[in-house]
PDB file of N, CA and C in Angstrom:
ATOM      1  N   MET A   1      69.448  80.040 102.679  1.00  0.00           N
ATOM      2  CA  MET A   1      70.633  80.197 102.052  1.00  0.00           C
ATOM      3  C   MET A   1      71.646  81.205 102.491  1.00  0.00           C
ATOM      4  N   ASN A   2      72.752  80.872 102.448  1.00  0.00           N
ATOM      5  CA  ASN A   2      73.786  81.863 103.062  1.00  0.00           C
ATOM      6  C   ASN A   2      73.967  82.993 102.379  1.00  0.00           C
ATOM      7  N   GLY A   3      74.315  84.218 103.002  1.00  0.00           N
ATOM      8  CA  GLY A   3      74.587  85.445 102.390  1.00  0.00           C
ATOM      9  C   GLY A   3      76.184  85.408 101.651  1.00  0.00           C
ATOM     10  N   VAL A   4      76.262  86.382 100.938  1.00  0.00           N
ATOM     11  CA  VAL A   4      77.542  86.755 100.402  1.00  0.00           C
ATOM     12  C   VAL A   4      78.366  87.286 101.493  1.00  0.00           C
ATOM     13  N   VAL A   5      79.709  86.541 101.528  1.00  0.00           N
ATOM     14  CA  VAL A   5      80.579  87.064 102.618  1.00  0.00           C
ATOM     15  C   VAL A   5      81.900  87.662 102.149  1.00  0.00           C
ATOM     16  N   HIS A   6      82.246  87.520 100.831  1.00  0.00           N
ATOM     17  CA  HIS A   6      83.453  87.883 100.096  1.00  0.00           C
ATOM     18  C   HIS A   6      83.186  88.098  98.696  1.00  0.00           C
ATOM     19  N   PHE A   7      83.855  88.858  97.960  1.00  0.00           N
ATOM     20  CA  PHE A   7      83.946  88.966  96.607  1.00  0.00           C
ATOM     21  C   PHE A   7      85.189  89.333  95.972  1.00  0.00           C
ATOM     22  N   GLU A   8      85.496  88.718  94.880  1.00  0.00           N
ATOM     23  CA  GLU A   8      86.832  89.123  94.247  1.00  0.00           C
ATOM     24  C   GLU A   8      86.571  89.623  92.874  1.00  0.00           C
ATOM     25  N   LEU A   9      87.428  90.690  92.350  1.00  0.00           N
ATOM     26  CA  LEU A   9      87.286  91.333  91.189  1.00  0.00           C
ATOM     27  C   LEU A   9      88.687  91.070  90.236  1.00  0.00           C
ATOM     28  N   PRO A  10      88.466  90.037  89.297  1.00  0.00           N
ATOM     29  CA  PRO A  10      89.645  89.702  88.476  1.00  0.00           C
ATOM     30  C   PRO A  10      89.891  90.877  87.470  1.00  0.00           C
ATOM     31  N   VAL A  11      91.444  91.645  87.524  1.00  0.00           N
ATOM     32  CA  VAL A  11      91.723  92.705  86.747  1.00  0.00           C
ATOM     33  C   VAL A  11      92.747  92.361  85.949  1.00  0.00           C
ATOM     34  N   ASP A  12      92.902  93.137  84.814  1.00  0.00           N
ATOM     35  CA  ASP A  12      94.180  93.199  83.751  1.00  0.00           C
ATOM     36  C   ASP A  12      95.070  94.239  84.205  1.00  0.00           C
ATOM     37  N   ASP A  13      94.654  95.415  84.606  1.00  0.00           N
ATOM     38  CA  ASP A  13      95.720  96.574  84.966  1.00  0.00           C
ATOM     39  C   ASP A  13      95.477  96.853  86.527  1.00  0.00           C
ATOM     40  N   LEU A  14      96.268  96.171  87.453  1.00  0.00           N
ATOM     41  CA  LEU A  14      95.890  96.472  88.780  1.00  0.00           C
ATOM     42  C   LEU A  14      96.042  97.933  89.102  1.00  0.00           C
ATOM     43  N   ALA A  15      96.998  98.570  88.624  1.00  0.00           N
ATOM     44  CA  ALA A  15      96.882 100.100  88.920  1.00  0.00           C
ATOM     45  C   ALA A  15      95.700 101.119  88.448  1.00  0.00           C
ATOM     46  N   ARG A  16      95.402 100.586  87.313  1.00  0.00           N
ATOM     47  CA  ARG A  16      94.073 101.239  86.910  1.00  0.00           C
ATOM     48  C   ARG A  16      92.989 101.091  87.736  1.00  0.00           C
ATOM     49  N   ALA A  17      92.689  99.524  88.092  1.00  0.00           N
ATOM     50  CA  ALA A  17      91.626  99.159  88.836  1.00  0.00           C
ATOM     51  C   ALA A  17      91.625  99.899  90.222  1.00  0.00           C
ATOM     52  N   ARG A  18      93.191  99.923  90.718  1.00  0.00           N
ATOM     53  CA  ARG A  18      93.235 100.350  92.166  1.00  0.00           C
ATOM     54  C   ARG A  18      92.833 101.915  92.168  1.00  0.00           C
ATOM     55  N   ALA A  19      92.959 102.729  91.062  1.00  0.00           N
ATOM     56  CA  ALA A  19      92.762 104.055  91.062  1.00  0.00           C
ATOM     57  C   ALA A  19      91.154 104.317  90.944  1.00  0.00           C
ATOM     58  N   PHE A  20      90.475 103.344  90.023  1.00  0.00           N
ATOM     59  CA  PHE A  20      89.160 103.339  89.816  1.00  0.00           C
ATOM     60  C   PHE A  20      88.503 103.085  91.169  1.00  0.00           C
ATOM     61  N   TYR A  21      88.793 102.043  91.801  1.00  0.00           N
ATOM     62  CA  TYR A  21      87.972 101.644  93.098  1.00  0.00           C
ATOM     63  C   TYR A  21      88.313 102.423  94.351  1.00  0.00           C
ATOM     64  N   SER A  22      89.351 103.093  94.198  1.00  0.00           N
ATOM     65  CA  SER A  22      89.741 103.889  95.455  1.00  0.00           C
ATOM     66  C   SER A  22      89.022 105.134  95.319  1.00  0.00           C
ATOM     67  N   THR A  23      88.268 105.524  94.206  1.00  0.00           N
ATOM     68  CA  THR A  23      87.250 106.575  94.147  1.00  0.00           C
ATOM     69  C   THR A  23      86.148 106.378  94.933  1.00  0.00           C
ATOM     70  N   PHE A  24      85.864 105.053  95.232  1.00  0.00           N
ATOM     71  CA  PHE A  24      84.570 104.756  95.964  1.00  0.00           C
ATOM     72  C   PHE A  24      84.903 104.724  97.647  1.00  0.00           C
ATOM     73  N   GLY A  25      86.101 105.115  97.981  1.00  0.00           N
ATOM     74  CA  GLY A  25      86.481 105.366  99.261  1.00  0.00           C
ATOM     75  C   GLY A  25      86.884 104.087  99.904  1.00  0.00           C
ATOM     76  N   TRP A  26      87.137 103.020  98.968  1.00  0.00           N
ATOM     77  CA  TRP A  26      87.492 101.515  99.520  1.00  0.00           C
ATOM     78  C   TRP A  26      89.010 101.642 100.099  1.00  0.00           C
ATOM     79  N   ASN A  27      89.332 100.798 100.936  1.00  0.00           N
ATOM     80  CA  ASN A  27      90.593 100.690 101.510  1.00  0.00           C
ATOM     81  C   ASN A  27      91.040  99.559 100.825  1.00  0.00           C
ATOM     82  N   LEU A  28      92.392  99.970 100.012  1.00  0.00           N
ATOM     83  CA  LEU A  28      92.913  98.746  99.260  1.00  0.00           C
ATOM     84  C   LEU A  28      94.387  98.312  99.784  1.00  0.00           C
ATOM     85  N   GLN A  29      94.467  97.269 100.308  1.00  0.00           N
ATOM     86  CA  GLN A  29      95.784  96.597 100.990  1.00  0.00           C
ATOM     87  C   GLN A  29      96.459  95.640  99.987  1.00  0.00           C
ATOM     88  N   ASP A  30      97.818  95.789  99.926  1.00  0.00           N
ATOM     89  CA  ASP A  30      98.465  94.746  99.096  1.00  0.00           C
ATOM     90  C   ASP A  30      98.868  93.521 100.036  1.00  0.00           C
ATOM     91  N   TRP A  31      98.695  92.329  99.659  1.00  0.00           N
ATOM     92  CA  TRP A  31      98.860  91.151 100.487  1.00  0.00           C
ATOM     93  C   TRP A  31      99.759  90.298  99.545  1.00  0.00           C
ATOM     94  N   PRO A  32     101.194  90.262  99.800  1.00  0.00           N
ATOM     95  CA  PRO A  32     102.084  89.446  98.946  1.00  0.00           C
ATOM     96  C   PRO A  32     101.713  87.986  99.188  1.00  0.00           C
ATOM     97  N   MET A  33     101.700  87.336  97.959  1.00  0.00           N
ATOM     98  CA  MET A  33     101.455  85.875  97.931  1.00  0.00           C
ATOM     99  C   MET A  33     102.625  85.023  97.773  1.00  0.00           C
ATOM    100  N   PRO A  34     102.582  83.886  98.084  1.00  0.00           N
ATOM    101  CA  PRO A  34     103.663  82.909  98.166  1.00  0.00           C
ATOM    102  C   PRO A  34     104.335  82.692  96.700  1.00  0.00           C
ATOM    103  N   ASP A  35     103.627  82.987  95.530  1.00  0.00           N
ATOM    104  CA  ASP A  35     104.075  82.745  94.275  1.00  0.00           C
ATOM    105  C   ASP A  35     104.622  83.995  93.831  1.00  0.00           C
ATOM    106  N   GLY A  36     104.729  85.296  94.531  1.00  0.00           N
ATOM    107  CA  GLY A  36     105.527  86.385  94.242  1.00  0.00           C
ATOM    108  C   GLY A  36     104.260  87.423  93.606  1.00  0.00           C
ATOM    109  N   SER A  37     103.188  87.136  93.486  1.00  0.00           N
ATOM    110  CA  SER A  37     102.171  87.955  93.148  1.00  0.00           C
ATOM    111  C   SER A  37     101.594  88.698  94.127  1.00  0.00           C
ATOM    112  N   THR A  38     100.893  89.684  93.702  1.00  0.00           N
ATOM    113  CA  THR A  38      99.922  90.514  94.925  1.00  0.00           C
ATOM    114  C   THR A  38      98.507  90.374  94.847  1.00  0.00           C
ATOM    115  N   TYR A  39      98.055  90.138  95.937  1.00  0.00           N
ATOM    116  CA  TYR A  39      96.526  89.968  96.099  1.00  0.00           C
ATOM    117  C   TYR A  39      96.085  91.465  96.801  1.00  0.00           C
ATOM    118  N   VAL A  40      95.280  92.047  96.194  1.00  0.00           N
ATOM    119  CA  VAL A  40      94.786  93.500  96.788  1.00  0.00           C
ATOM    120  C   VAL A  40      93.484  93.146  97.588  1.00  0.00           C
ATOM    121  N   GLY A  41      93.705  93.141  98.810  1.00  0.00           N
ATOM    122  CA  GLY A  41      92.577  93.132  99.836  1.00  0.00           C
ATOM    123  C   GLY A  41      91.613  94.444  99.757  1.00  0.00           C
ATOM    124  N   ILE A  42      90.518  94.235  99.755  1.00  0.00           N
ATOM    125  CA  ILE A  42      89.455  95.445  99.591  1.00  0.00           C
ATOM    126  C   ILE A  42      88.685  95.539 100.766  1.00  0.00           C
ATOM    127  N   HIS A  43      88.837  96.574 101.472  1.00  0.00           N
ATOM    128  CA  HIS A  43      87.829  96.780 102.602  1.00  0.00           C
ATOM    129  C   HIS A  43      86.806  97.775 102.155  1.00  0.00           C
ATOM    130  N   THR A  44      85.531  97.573 101.999  1.00  0.00           N
ATOM    131  CA  THR A  44      84.492  98.437 101.510  1.00  0.00           C
ATOM    132  C   THR A  44      83.862  99.019 102.781  1.00  0.00           C
ATOM    133  N   THR A  45      84.055  98.616 103.952  1.00  0.00           N
ATOM    134  CA  THR A  45      83.669  98.979 105.297  1.00  0.00           C
ATOM    135  C   THR A  45      84.501  98.772 106.357  1.00  0.00           C
ATOM    136  N   PRO A  46      84.290  99.457 107.451  1.00  0.00           N
ATOM    137  CA  PRO A  46      85.260  99.170 108.614  1.00  0.00           C
ATOM    138  C   PRO A  46      85.196  97.848 109.153  1.00  0.00           C
ATOM    139  N   ILE A  47      86.310  97.133 109.589  1.00  0.00           N
ATOM    140  CA  ILE A  47      86.283  95.922 110.191  1.00  0.00           C
ATOM    141  C   ILE A  47      86.593  96.035 111.551  1.00  0.00           C
ATOM    142  N   ASP A  48      86.525  94.795 112.191  1.00  0.00           N
ATOM    143  CA  ASP A  48      86.988  94.500 113.634  1.00  0.00           C
ATOM    144  C   ASP A  48      88.499  93.941 113.473  1.00  0.00           C
ATOM    145  N   GLU A  49      89.262  94.717 114.044  1.00  0.00           N
ATOM    146  CA  GLU A  49      90.790  94.416 113.771  1.00  0.00           C
ATOM    147  C   GLU A  49      91.091  93.044 114.323  1.00  0.00           C
ATOM    148  N   LYS A  50      90.236  92.487 115.256  1.00  0.00           N
ATOM    149  CA  LYS A  50      90.623  91.132 115.937  1.00  0.00           C
ATOM    150  C   LYS A  50      90.255  90.070 115.015  1.00  0.00           C
ATOM    151  N   THR A  51      88.879  90.105 114.548  1.00  0.00           N
ATOM    152  CA  THR A  51      88.118  89.026 113.698  1.00  0.00           C
ATOM    153  C   THR A  51      88.426  89.333 112.205  1.00  0.00           C
ATOM    154  N   ARG A  52      88.711  90.512 111.837  1.00  0.00           N
ATOM    155  CA  ARG A  52      88.782  90.765 110.598  1.00  0.00           C
ATOM    156  C   ARG A  52      87.509  90.893 109.748  1.00  0.00           C
ATOM    157  N   LEU A  53      86.376  90.865 110.379  1.00  0.00           N
ATOM    158  CA  LEU A  53      85.078  90.791 110.063  1.00  0.00           C
ATOM    159  C   LEU A  53      84.504  92.491 109.875  1.00  0.00           C
ATOM    160  N   PRO A  54      83.614  92.606 108.998  1.00  0.00           N
ATOM    161  CA  PRO A  54      82.977  93.999 108.801  1.00  0.00           C
ATOM    162  C   PRO A  54      82.132  94.276 110.272  1.00  0.00           C
ATOM    163  N   LEU A  55      82.268  95.608 110.619  1.00  0.00           N
ATOM    164  CA  LEU A  55      81.436  95.716 111.600  1.00  0.00           C
ATOM    165  C   LEU A  55      79.961  96.190 111.534  1.00  0.00           C
ATOM    166  N   GLU A  56      79.613  96.543 110.089  1.00  0.00           N
ATOM    167  CA  GLU A  56      78.440  96.664 109.845  1.00  0.00           C
ATOM    168  C   GLU A  56      77.733  95.370 109.337  1.00  0.00           C
ATOM    169  N   VAL A  57      76.313  95.124 110.010  1.00  0.00           N
ATOM    170  CA  VAL A  57      75.564  93.918 109.558  1.00  0.00           C
ATOM    171  C   VAL A  57      75.271  93.983 108.053  1.00  0.00           C
ATOM    172  N   GLY A  58      75.710  92.868 107.353  1.00  0.00           N
ATOM    173  CA  GLY A  58      75.374  92.687 106.079  1.00  0.00           C
ATOM    174  C   GLY A  58      76.403  93.238 105.015  1.00  0.00           C
ATOM    175  N   ALA A  59      77.429  94.105 105.559  1.00  0.00           N
ATOM    176  CA  ALA A  59      78.494  94.425 104.552  1.00  0.00           C
ATOM    177  C   ALA A  59      79.472  93.305 104.365  1.00  0.00           C
ATOM    178  N   ILE A  60      79.936  93.561 103.245  1.00  0.00           N
ATOM    179  CA  ILE A  60      80.879  92.404 102.594  1.00  0.00           C
ATOM    180  C   ILE A  60      82.269  93.238 102.274  1.00  0.00           C
ATOM    181  N   ASN A  61      83.498  92.553 102.474  1.00  0.00           N
ATOM    182  CA  ASN A  61      84.748  93.054 101.804  1.00  0.00           C
ATOM    183  C   ASN A  61      85.193  91.936 100.577  1.00  0.00           C
ATOM    184  N   GLY A  62      86.387  92.292  99.963  1.00  0.00           N
ATOM    185  CA  GLY A  62      86.861  91.399  98.957  1.00  0.00           C
ATOM    186  C   GLY A  62      88.200  91.590  98.753  1.00  0.00           C
ATOM    187  N   GLY A  63      88.515  91.431  97.324  1.00  0.00           N
ATOM    188  CA  GLY A  63      89.684  91.411  96.989  1.00  0.00           C
ATOM    189  C   GLY A  63      89.936  91.679  95.221  1.00  0.00           C
ATOM    190  N   MET A  64      91.128  91.878  94.866  1.00  0.00           N
ATOM    191  CA  MET A  64      91.421  92.032  93.525  1.00  0.00           C
ATOM    192  C   MET A  64      92.538  91.139  93.183  1.00  0.00           C
ATOM    193  N   LEU A  65      92.609  90.276  92.245  1.00  0.00           N
ATOM    194  CA  LEU A  65      93.553  89.527  91.716  1.00  0.00           C
ATOM    195  C   LEU A  65      93.889  89.733  90.065  1.00  0.00           C
TER     196      LEU A  65
END
């Protein structure tokens, strides 16, 4: 079985969710979407800037929408 490689958190209040999850030390980045909405990328662990993959084996990153 393949491991989890990404997660998404659906939220109703993006500002509130951003404030809450940032308390965990997560790096949150706004990614504009073609439809004008914003997808928030979540890095819970450092990444390799070339591959965008987590540096720590078994770590995962995700996003909020």
